[in-house]
Amino acid sequence: MEQQSLHIDRTIIDAILCGRLRPGMRLGEQELGTLFNVSRTVVRQSLTRLEARGLVQVTARRGWFIVEPSVEEATSAFQARRAIESGILNTIDNVGPAPIARLREHIARQREAIVSGDVASRSHLLADFHVCLAEVLGFYPLLDILNDLTARSLLFEALYQSTPDAACSCDDHERIVDLLEAEDYRGAARVMITHISDIETHLTARIKHAPQLDLQEALQIRPLKT
């Protein structure tokens, strides 16, 4: 039973990360039980775990559904990120070779995930770059704050960021590192502000216009043979 519910976890998470399950999409217990050929008890075990991870919600009227982040929540997170991350870059006056090397290695992993089509890894790495940047520059008191803010935007990016968008984000990251290496810290701050604003604009537009798939199509499960 445990293995069955864990399989449901993995399938739903994969569908979320690949953008097939959209915010607000209903996850019917009976339909999931039929699709996975398990009892509703097994389905509830999986959904309860996913609720604890902040990926699904349950209400008395609607039942289970994918968490539906609001545009207002996204806007608030992006505003905070612009202020904090540009502030970091406007404050520094020296970056040594070791931080630059670590950031370039991080960017190489981003590109590898983008080329391989690993949506989950690319979303995580693109968000983690911003935390890594603060860390290598020594802004340790801000790491928890940035971790929280990037986690909030990770769901948006996993759901709505296309491969071209991801590649553009990676290019922006590389340009920021290039400017840091050239000791143009104010220029890096300006690129960071534009970078975060561009992500916000593209993602919030997709939230408003994202198409909905039916549950079976989103989970990519073949109909059971009778």
C-alpha atoms as a PDB file:
ATOM      1  CA  MET A   1       0.000   0.000   0.000  1.00  0.00           C
ATOM      2  CA  GLU A   2       2.839   2.375   0.895  1.00  0.00           C
ATOM      3  CA  GLN A   3       4.624   1.750  -2.407  1.00  0.00           C
ATOM      4  CA  GLN A   4       1.398   2.348  -4.319  1.00  0.00           C
ATOM      5  CA  SER A   5       0.779   5.701  -2.648  1.00  0.00           C
ATOM      6  CA  LEU A   6       4.412   6.738  -3.163  1.00  0.00           C
ATOM      7  CA  HIS A   7       4.032   5.938  -6.860  1.00  0.00           C
ATOM      8  CA  ILE A   8       1.030   8.274  -6.952  1.00  0.00           C
ATOM      9  CA  ASP A   9       3.144  10.954  -5.229  1.00  0.00           C
ATOM     10  CA  ARG A  10       5.878  10.682  -7.841  1.00  0.00           C
ATOM     11  CA  THR A  11       3.461  10.684 -10.773  1.00  0.00           C
ATOM     12  CA  ILE A  12       1.583  13.760  -9.559  1.00  0.00           C
ATOM     13  CA  ILE A  13       4.779  15.665  -8.715  1.00  0.00           C
ATOM     14  CA  ASP A  14       6.232  14.859 -12.135  1.00  0.00           C
ATOM     15  CA  ALA A  15       3.034  16.098 -13.790  1.00  0.00           C
ATOM     16  CA  ILE A  16       3.207  19.321 -11.765  1.00  0.00           C
ATOM     17  CA  LEU A  17       6.872  19.964 -12.534  1.00  0.00           C
ATOM     18  CA  CYS A  18       6.330  19.296 -16.230  1.00  0.00           C
ATOM     19  CA  GLY A  19       3.384  21.689 -16.305  1.00  0.00           C
ATOM     20  CA  ARG A  20       0.669  19.144 -17.142  1.00  0.00           C
ATOM     21  CA  LEU A  21      -1.140  19.569 -13.813  1.00  0.00           C
ATOM     22  CA  ARG A  22      -2.072  23.226 -13.466  1.00  0.00           C
ATOM     23  CA  PRO A  23      -2.969  25.300 -10.406  1.00  0.00           C
ATOM     24  CA  GLY A  24      -6.588  24.806  -9.384  1.00  0.00           C
ATOM     25  CA  MET A  25      -6.964  21.477 -11.187  1.00  0.00           C
ATOM     26  CA  ARG A  26      -9.169  19.084  -9.223  1.00  0.00           C
ATOM     27  CA  LEU A  27      -7.796  15.713  -8.122  1.00  0.00           C
ATOM     28  CA  GLY A  28     -10.811  13.471  -7.656  1.00  0.00           C
ATOM     29  CA  GLU A  29     -10.174  10.597  -5.248  1.00  0.00           C
ATOM     30  CA  GLN A  30     -12.372   8.196  -7.174  1.00  0.00           C
ATOM     31  CA  GLU A  31     -10.892   9.136 -10.543  1.00  0.00           C
ATOM     32  CA  LEU A  32      -7.339   8.789  -9.224  1.00  0.00           C
ATOM     33  CA  GLY A  33      -8.217   5.436  -7.678  1.00  0.00           C
ATOM     34  CA  THR A  34      -9.492   4.232 -11.038  1.00  0.00           C
ATOM     35  CA  LEU A  35      -6.504   5.597 -12.963  1.00  0.00           C
ATOM     36  CA  PHE A  36      -3.982   3.975 -10.613  1.00  0.00           C
ATOM     37  CA  ASN A  37      -6.125   0.907  -9.878  1.00  0.00           C
ATOM     38  CA  VAL A  38      -5.945   1.459  -6.106  1.00  0.00           C
ATOM     39  CA  SER A  39      -8.382   2.170  -3.281  1.00  0.00           C
ATOM     40  CA  ARG A  40      -9.401   5.679  -2.239  1.00  0.00           C
ATOM     41  CA  THR A  41      -7.559   5.054   1.038  1.00  0.00           C
ATOM     42  CA  VAL A  42      -4.279   4.741  -0.875  1.00  0.00           C
ATOM     43  CA  VAL A  43      -5.104   7.875  -2.853  1.00  0.00           C
ATOM     44  CA  ARG A  44      -5.791   9.824   0.363  1.00  0.00           C
ATOM     45  CA  GLN A  45      -2.440   8.760   1.810  1.00  0.00           C
ATOM     46  CA  SER A  46      -0.685  10.228  -1.201  1.00  0.00           C
ATOM     47  CA  LEU A  47      -2.722  13.428  -1.292  1.00  0.00           C
ATOM     48  CA  THR A  48      -2.219  14.009   2.430  1.00  0.00           C
ATOM     49  CA  ARG A  49       1.551  13.843   1.967  1.00  0.00           C
ATOM     50  CA  LEU A  50       1.379  16.204  -0.999  1.00  0.00           C
ATOM     51  CA  GLU A  51      -0.724  18.608   1.071  1.00  0.00           C
ATOM     52  CA  ALA A  52       1.998  18.652   3.750  1.00  0.00           C
ATOM     53  CA  ARG A  53       4.486  19.592   1.023  1.00  0.00           C
ATOM     54  CA  GLY A  54       2.323  22.512  -0.078  1.00  0.00           C
ATOM     55  CA  LEU A  55       1.489  21.119  -3.519  1.00  0.00           C
ATOM     56  CA  VAL A  56      -2.203  20.305  -3.075  1.00  0.00           C
ATOM     57  CA  GLN A  57      -5.070  21.609  -0.957  1.00  0.00           C
ATOM     58  CA  VAL A  58      -8.378  20.166   0.201  1.00  0.00           C
ATOM     59  CA  THR A  59     -11.668  21.939   0.931  1.00  0.00           C
ATOM     60  CA  ALA A  60     -15.066  20.649   1.970  1.00  0.00           C
ATOM     61  CA  ARG A  61     -16.731  21.807  -1.250  1.00  0.00           C
ATOM     62  CA  ARG A  62     -14.049  21.279  -3.880  1.00  0.00           C
ATOM     63  CA  GLY A  63     -12.209  18.267  -2.543  1.00  0.00           C
ATOM     64  CA  TRP A  64      -8.529  17.934  -3.495  1.00  0.00           C
ATOM     65  CA  PHE A  65      -6.914  20.267  -6.019  1.00  0.00           C
ATOM     66  CA  ILE A  66      -3.523  21.586  -7.079  1.00  0.00           C
ATOM     67  CA  VAL A  67      -2.492  24.654  -5.087  1.00  0.00           C
ATOM     68  CA  GLU A  68      -3.480  27.787  -6.956  1.00  0.00           C
ATOM     69  CA  PRO A  69      -0.909  30.529  -6.301  1.00  0.00           C
ATOM     70  CA  SER A  70      -2.312  34.012  -6.738  1.00  0.00           C
ATOM     71  CA  VAL A  71      -0.742  36.641  -8.961  1.00  0.00           C
ATOM     72  CA  GLU A  72      -0.637  38.898  -5.891  1.00  0.00           C
ATOM     73  CA  GLU A  73       1.474  36.347  -3.997  1.00  0.00           C
ATOM     74  CA  ALA A  74       3.869  36.093  -6.913  1.00  0.00           C
ATOM     75  CA  THR A  75       4.109  39.865  -7.275  1.00  0.00           C
ATOM     76  CA  SER A  76       4.911  40.307  -3.588  1.00  0.00           C
ATOM     77  CA  ALA A  77       7.682  37.702  -3.730  1.00  0.00           C
ATOM     78  CA  PHE A  78       9.234  39.213  -6.852  1.00  0.00           C
ATOM     79  CA  GLN A  79       9.150  42.736  -5.385  1.00  0.00           C
ATOM     80  CA  ALA A  80      11.022  41.517  -2.318  1.00  0.00           C
ATOM     81  CA  ARG A  81      13.553  39.672  -4.452  1.00  0.00           C
ATOM     82  CA  ARG A  82      14.276  42.759  -6.562  1.00  0.00           C
ATOM     83  CA  ALA A  83      14.933  44.860  -3.473  1.00  0.00           C
ATOM     84  CA  ILE A  84      17.116  42.304  -1.697  1.00  0.00           C
ATOM     85  CA  GLU A  85      19.135  40.973  -4.623  1.00  0.00           C
ATOM     86  CA  SER A  86      19.855  44.325  -6.243  1.00  0.00           C
ATOM     87  CA  GLY A  87      20.737  45.636  -2.789  1.00  0.00           C
ATOM     88  CA  ILE A  88      23.321  42.886  -2.379  1.00  0.00           C
ATOM     89  CA  LEU A  89      24.974  43.728  -5.691  1.00  0.00           C
ATOM     90  CA  ASN A  90      24.895  47.469  -5.004  1.00  0.00           C
ATOM     91  CA  THR A  91      26.641  46.888  -1.663  1.00  0.00           C
ATOM     92  CA  ILE A  92      29.643  44.785  -2.687  1.00  0.00           C
ATOM     93  CA  ASP A  93      32.985  46.271  -3.754  1.00  0.00           C
ATOM     94  CA  ASN A  94      35.068  43.157  -4.387  1.00  0.00           C
ATOM     95  CA  VAL A  95      34.503  39.599  -5.650  1.00  0.00           C
ATOM     96  CA  GLY A  96      37.389  37.147  -5.654  1.00  0.00           C
ATOM     97  CA  PRO A  97      38.077  34.335  -8.147  1.00  0.00           C
ATOM     98  CA  ALA A  98      36.669  31.554  -5.934  1.00  0.00           C
ATOM     99  CA  PRO A  99      33.085  32.936  -5.870  1.00  0.00           C
ATOM    100  CA  ILE A 100      33.219  33.536  -9.629  1.00  0.00           C
ATOM    101  CA  ALA A 101      34.365  29.957 -10.236  1.00  0.00           C
ATOM    102  CA  ARG A 102      31.574  28.545  -8.091  1.00  0.00           C
ATOM    103  CA  LEU A 103      28.935  30.640  -9.844  1.00  0.00           C
ATOM    104  CA  ARG A 104      30.189  29.556 -13.277  1.00  0.00           C
ATOM    105  CA  GLU A 105      30.052  25.910 -12.190  1.00  0.00           C
ATOM    106  CA  HIS A 106      26.467  26.481 -11.067  1.00  0.00           C
ATOM    107  CA  ILE A 107      25.587  28.002 -14.448  1.00  0.00           C
ATOM    108  CA  ALA A 108      27.124  24.999 -16.217  1.00  0.00           C
ATOM    109  CA  ARG A 109      24.770  22.720 -14.268  1.00  0.00           C
ATOM    110  CA  GLN A 110      21.839  24.950 -15.217  1.00  0.00           C
ATOM    111  CA  ARG A 111      22.678  24.629 -18.907  1.00  0.00           C
ATOM    112  CA  GLU A 112      23.068  20.870 -18.595  1.00  0.00           C
ATOM    113  CA  ALA A 113      19.594  20.572 -17.046  1.00  0.00           C
ATOM    114  CA  ILE A 114      18.087  22.800 -19.745  1.00  0.00           C
ATOM    115  CA  VAL A 115      19.676  20.847 -22.609  1.00  0.00           C
ATOM    116  CA  SER A 116      18.695  17.483 -21.104  1.00  0.00           C
ATOM    117  CA  GLY A 117      15.087  18.584 -20.641  1.00  0.00           C
ATOM    118  CA  ASP A 118      15.166  17.896 -16.893  1.00  0.00           C
ATOM    119  CA  VAL A 119      12.433  20.378 -15.935  1.00  0.00           C
ATOM    120  CA  ALA A 120      12.588  19.691 -12.202  1.00  0.00           C
ATOM    121  CA  SER A 121      16.366  20.166 -12.013  1.00  0.00           C
ATOM    122  CA  ARG A 122      16.412  23.240 -14.216  1.00  0.00           C
ATOM    123  CA  SER A 123      13.698  24.951 -12.140  1.00  0.00           C
ATOM    124  CA  HIS A 124      15.517  24.164  -8.914  1.00  0.00           C
ATOM    125  CA  LEU A 125      18.921  25.270 -10.226  1.00  0.00           C
ATOM    126  CA  LEU A 126      17.643  28.506 -11.772  1.00  0.00           C
ATOM    127  CA  ALA A 127      16.067  29.450  -8.440  1.00  0.00           C
ATOM    128  CA  ASP A 128      19.020  28.218  -6.374  1.00  0.00           C
ATOM    129  CA  PHE A 129      21.453  30.436  -8.306  1.00  0.00           C
ATOM    130  CA  HIS A 130      20.073  33.450  -6.457  1.00  0.00           C
ATOM    131  CA  VAL A 131      20.658  31.827  -3.074  1.00  0.00           C
ATOM    132  CA  CYS A 132      24.107  30.655  -4.164  1.00  0.00           C
ATOM    133  CA  LEU A 133      24.985  34.200  -5.254  1.00  0.00           C
ATOM    134  CA  ALA A 134      24.145  35.621  -1.824  1.00  0.00           C
ATOM    135  CA  GLU A 135      26.083  32.814  -0.147  1.00  0.00           C
ATOM    136  CA  VAL A 136      29.317  33.174  -2.129  1.00  0.00           C
ATOM    137  CA  LEU A 137      29.218  36.939  -1.594  1.00  0.00           C
ATOM    138  CA  GLY A 138      28.980  36.405   2.167  1.00  0.00           C
ATOM    139  CA  PHE A 139      25.430  37.629   2.842  1.00  0.00           C
ATOM    140  CA  TYR A 140      24.645  34.744   5.184  1.00  0.00           C
ATOM    141  CA  PRO A 141      21.873  36.481   7.214  1.00  0.00           C
ATOM    142  CA  LEU A 142      19.837  36.771   3.998  1.00  0.00           C
ATOM    143  CA  LEU A 143      20.063  33.113   2.962  1.00  0.00           C
ATOM    144  CA  ASP A 144      16.945  31.950   4.814  1.00  0.00           C
ATOM    145  CA  ILE A 145      14.938  34.878   3.450  1.00  0.00           C
ATOM    146  CA  LEU A 146      16.057  34.209  -0.124  1.00  0.00           C
ATOM    147  CA  ASN A 147      15.449  30.484   0.291  1.00  0.00           C
ATOM    148  CA  ASP A 148      11.860  31.250   1.276  1.00  0.00           C
ATOM    149  CA  LEU A 149      11.291  33.744  -1.540  1.00  0.00           C
ATOM    150  CA  THR A 150      12.773  31.528  -4.245  1.00  0.00           C
ATOM    151  CA  ALA A 151      10.769  28.552  -2.954  1.00  0.00           C
ATOM    152  CA  ARG A 152       7.582  30.563  -3.431  1.00  0.00           C
ATOM    153  CA  SER A 153       8.489  31.325  -7.019  1.00  0.00           C
ATOM    154  CA  LEU A 154       9.717  27.783  -7.745  1.00  0.00           C
ATOM    155  CA  LEU A 155       6.178  26.475  -8.217  1.00  0.00           C
ATOM    156  CA  PHE A 156       5.425  29.283 -10.673  1.00  0.00           C
ATOM    157  CA  GLU A 157       8.601  28.584 -12.625  1.00  0.00           C
ATOM    158  CA  ALA A 158       8.136  24.813 -12.648  1.00  0.00           C
ATOM    159  CA  LEU A 159       4.591  25.198 -13.900  1.00  0.00           C
ATOM    160  CA  TYR A 160       4.909  28.050 -16.356  1.00  0.00           C
ATOM    161  CA  GLN A 161       8.516  28.498 -17.461  1.00  0.00           C
ATOM    162  CA  SER A 162       9.215  27.264 -20.978  1.00  0.00           C
ATOM    163  CA  THR A 163      12.581  25.968 -22.169  1.00  0.00           C
ATOM    164  CA  PRO A 164      13.337  29.240 -24.065  1.00  0.00           C
ATOM    165  CA  ASP A 165      12.475  31.203 -20.901  1.00  0.00           C
ATOM    166  CA  ALA A 166      14.806  28.988 -18.874  1.00  0.00           C
ATOM    167  CA  ALA A 167      17.625  29.491 -21.378  1.00  0.00           C
ATOM    168  CA  CYS A 168      17.141  33.272 -21.221  1.00  0.00           C
ATOM    169  CA  SER A 169      17.284  33.143 -17.417  1.00  0.00           C
ATOM    170  CA  CYS A 170      20.517  31.184 -17.588  1.00  0.00           C
ATOM    171  CA  ASP A 171      21.937  33.740 -20.045  1.00  0.00           C
ATOM    172  CA  ASP A 172      21.027  36.509 -17.586  1.00  0.00           C
ATOM    173  CA  HIS A 173      22.807  34.650 -14.792  1.00  0.00           C
ATOM    174  CA  GLU A 174      25.920  34.377 -16.936  1.00  0.00           C
ATOM    175  CA  ARG A 175      25.814  38.079 -17.790  1.00  0.00           C
ATOM    176  CA  ILE A 176      25.552  38.942 -14.094  1.00  0.00           C
ATOM    177  CA  VAL A 177      28.626  36.824 -13.338  1.00  0.00           C
ATOM    178  CA  ASP A 178      30.489  38.390 -16.284  1.00  0.00           C
ATOM    179  CA  LEU A 179      29.777  41.848 -14.851  1.00  0.00           C
ATOM    180  CA  LEU A 180      30.885  40.767 -11.383  1.00  0.00           C
ATOM    181  CA  GLU A 181      34.139  39.455 -12.825  1.00  0.00           C
ATOM    182  CA  ALA A 182      34.596  42.781 -14.654  1.00  0.00           C
ATOM    183  CA  GLU A 183      33.990  44.575 -11.322  1.00  0.00           C
ATOM    184  CA  ASP A 184      30.907  46.338 -12.707  1.00  0.00           C
ATOM    185  CA  TYR A 185      28.806  45.706  -9.617  1.00  0.00           C
ATOM    186  CA  ARG A 186      26.247  48.426 -10.301  1.00  0.00           C
ATOM    187  CA  GLY A 187      25.766  47.030 -13.812  1.00  0.00           C
ATOM    188  CA  ALA A 188      25.202  43.587 -12.325  1.00  0.00           C
ATOM    189  CA  ALA A 189      22.542  45.064 -10.031  1.00  0.00           C
ATOM    190  CA  ARG A 190      20.737  46.633 -12.986  1.00  0.00           C
ATOM    191  CA  VAL A 191      20.748  43.344 -14.903  1.00  0.00           C
ATOM    192  CA  MET A 192      19.429  41.550 -11.811  1.00  0.00           C
ATOM    193  CA  ILE A 193      16.474  43.939 -11.519  1.00  0.00           C
ATOM    194  CA  THR A 194      15.608  43.500 -15.201  1.00  0.00           C
ATOM    195  CA  HIS A 195      16.076  39.733 -14.939  1.00  0.00           C
ATOM    196  CA  ILE A 196      13.655  39.320 -12.018  1.00  0.00           C
ATOM    197  CA  SER A 197      11.128  41.688 -13.609  1.00  0.00           C
ATOM    198  CA  ASP A 198      11.208  39.739 -16.886  1.00  0.00           C
ATOM    199  CA  ILE A 199      10.581  36.453 -15.054  1.00  0.00           C
ATOM    200  CA  GLU A 200       7.657  38.003 -13.186  1.00  0.00           C
ATOM    201  CA  THR A 201       6.099  39.398 -16.366  1.00  0.00           C
ATOM    202  CA  HIS A 202       6.344  36.141 -18.309  1.00  0.00           C
ATOM    203  CA  LEU A 203       5.165  33.871 -15.504  1.00  0.00           C
ATOM    204  CA  THR A 204       2.195  35.946 -14.363  1.00  0.00           C
ATOM    205  CA  ALA A 205       1.030  36.215 -17.984  1.00  0.00           C
ATOM    206  CA  ARG A 206       1.104  32.429 -18.292  1.00  0.00           C
ATOM    207  CA  ILE A 207      -0.774  31.969 -15.011  1.00  0.00           C
ATOM    208  CA  LYS A 208      -3.673  33.924 -16.507  1.00  0.00           C
ATOM    209  CA  HIS A 209      -3.722  32.078 -19.839  1.00  0.00           C
ATOM    210  CA  ALA A 210      -2.548  28.517 -19.056  1.00  0.00           C
ATOM    211  CA  PRO A 211      -4.732  25.798 -20.680  1.00  0.00           C
ATOM    212  CA  GLN A 212      -6.276  23.018 -18.608  1.00  0.00           C
ATOM    213  CA  LEU A 213      -5.846  19.319 -19.392  1.00  0.00           C
ATOM    214  CA  ASP A 214      -8.141  16.600 -18.115  1.00  0.00           C
ATOM    215  CA  LEU A 215      -6.760  14.484 -15.272  1.00  0.00           C
ATOM    216  CA  GLN A 216      -5.976  11.359 -17.293  1.00  0.00           C
ATOM    217  CA  GLU A 217      -4.187  13.368 -19.990  1.00  0.00           C
ATOM    218  CA  ALA A 218      -2.160  15.307 -17.404  1.00  0.00           C
ATOM    219  CA  LEU A 219      -1.021  12.184 -15.570  1.00  0.00           C
ATOM    220  CA  GLN A 220      -0.360  10.388 -18.883  1.00  0.00           C
ATOM    221  CA  ILE A 221      -1.969   7.155 -17.702  1.00  0.00           C
ATOM    222  CA  ARG A 222      -3.378   4.754 -20.250  1.00  0.00           C
ATOM    223  CA  PRO A 223      -6.995   3.653 -19.729  1.00  0.00           C
ATOM    224  CA  LEU A 224      -7.353   0.341 -17.893  1.00  0.00           C
ATOM    225  CA  LYS A 225      -8.304  -2.588 -20.096  1.00  0.00           C
ATOM    226  CA  THR A 226     -11.610  -4.257 -19.283  1.00  0.00           C
END
